[in-house]
Amino acid sequence: TGEVGPRVSAVEGQVHVMTSQMVQVMGRLEQVGTQIEQGQQAATQRDETIEGLSQQCILGMDKRLADLERRPSGPQ
């Protein structure tokens, strides 16, 4: 019975260390989750910007083409 006390203390110490490590891991997982979420938001913003610029480019080309089609043919 004299050996049980020190063993229990050793196990309690190990449990405390493991609990502390788990808290650190959970904190790190939250940080990574936040970074992933921010990355997804940035990717969405990038995609929206590209889409907007593409639409502006297409509209500009359409307008230019319409202007060219309205011009009279032949030498000017």
Protein backbone atom coordinates (compact mmCIF):
# COMPACT_ATOMS: atom_id res chain seq x y z
CA THR A 1 0.00 0.00 0.00
CA GLY A 2 2.93 2.35 0.49
CA GLU A 3 3.68 2.20 -3.21
CA VAL A 4 0.16 3.16 -4.33
CA GLY A 5 0.38 6.78 -3.16
CA PRO A 6 3.45 7.68 -5.24
CA ARG A 7 2.03 5.84 -8.27
CA VAL A 8 -1.26 7.74 -7.99
CA SER A 9 0.68 11.00 -7.76
CA ALA A 10 2.74 10.08 -10.82
CA VAL A 11 -0.40 9.24 -12.80
CA GLU A 12 -2.08 12.46 -11.66
CA GLY A 13 0.99 14.37 -12.84
CA GLN A 14 0.87 12.67 -16.23
CA VAL A 15 -2.85 13.40 -16.52
CA HIS A 16 -2.19 17.06 -15.70
CA VAL A 17 0.53 17.26 -18.38
CA MET A 18 -1.71 15.55 -20.95
CA THR A 19 -4.61 17.86 -20.10
CA SER A 20 -2.35 20.88 -20.53
CA GLN A 21 -1.15 19.57 -23.88
CA MET A 22 -4.73 18.97 -25.02
CA VAL A 23 -5.67 22.54 -24.14
CA GLN A 24 -2.70 23.78 -26.20
CA VAL A 25 -3.70 21.54 -29.12
CA MET A 26 -7.31 22.77 -28.99
CA GLY A 27 -6.10 26.38 -28.97
CA ARG A 28 -3.90 25.71 -31.98
CA LEU A 29 -6.77 24.00 -33.81
CA GLU A 30 -8.92 27.07 -33.23
CA GLN A 31 -6.16 29.28 -34.66
CA VAL A 32 -5.82 27.06 -37.73
CA GLY A 33 -9.61 27.04 -38.17
CA THR A 34 -9.65 30.83 -38.07
CA GLN A 35 -6.80 31.03 -40.59
CA ILE A 36 -8.63 28.63 -42.93
CA GLU A 37 -11.81 30.68 -42.63
CA GLN A 38 -9.90 33.88 -43.40
CA GLY A 39 -8.24 32.18 -46.36
CA GLN A 40 -11.60 31.09 -47.70
CA GLN A 41 -12.94 34.63 -47.33
CA ALA A 42 -9.90 35.99 -49.15
CA ALA A 43 -10.34 33.43 -51.94
CA THR A 44 -14.01 34.38 -52.28
CA GLN A 45 -13.10 38.07 -52.48
CA ARG A 46 -10.43 37.28 -55.08
CA ASP A 47 -12.91 35.27 -57.15
CA GLU A 48 -15.51 38.04 -56.94
CA THR A 49 -12.93 40.62 -58.02
CA ILE A 50 -11.83 38.48 -60.98
CA GLU A 51 -15.45 37.93 -61.99
CA GLY A 52 -16.17 41.66 -61.80
CA LEU A 53 -13.10 42.55 -63.85
CA SER A 54 -13.96 39.88 -66.42
CA GLN A 55 -17.48 41.26 -66.77
CA GLN A 56 -16.14 44.80 -67.17
CA CYS A 57 -13.71 43.59 -69.83
CA ILE A 58 -16.44 41.72 -71.73
CA LEU A 59 -18.79 44.72 -71.56
CA GLY A 60 -15.98 46.98 -72.77
CA MET A 61 -15.22 44.67 -75.71
CA ASP A 62 -18.93 44.42 -76.55
CA LYS A 63 -19.21 48.22 -76.58
CA ARG A 64 -16.10 48.59 -78.71
CA LEU A 65 -17.39 45.97 -81.16
CA ALA A 66 -20.76 47.73 -81.36
CA ASP A 67 -18.97 51.03 -82.04
CA LEU A 68 -16.94 49.43 -84.82
CA GLU A 69 -20.03 47.84 -86.34
CA ARG A 70 -21.79 51.24 -86.45
CA ARG A 71 -18.94 52.86 -88.38
CA PRO A 72 -19.48 53.20 -92.07
CA SER A 73 -17.40 50.82 -94.14
CA GLY A 74 -14.80 51.96 -96.60
CA PRO A 75 -11.97 54.49 -96.39
CA GLN A 76 -12.45 57.39 -94.06
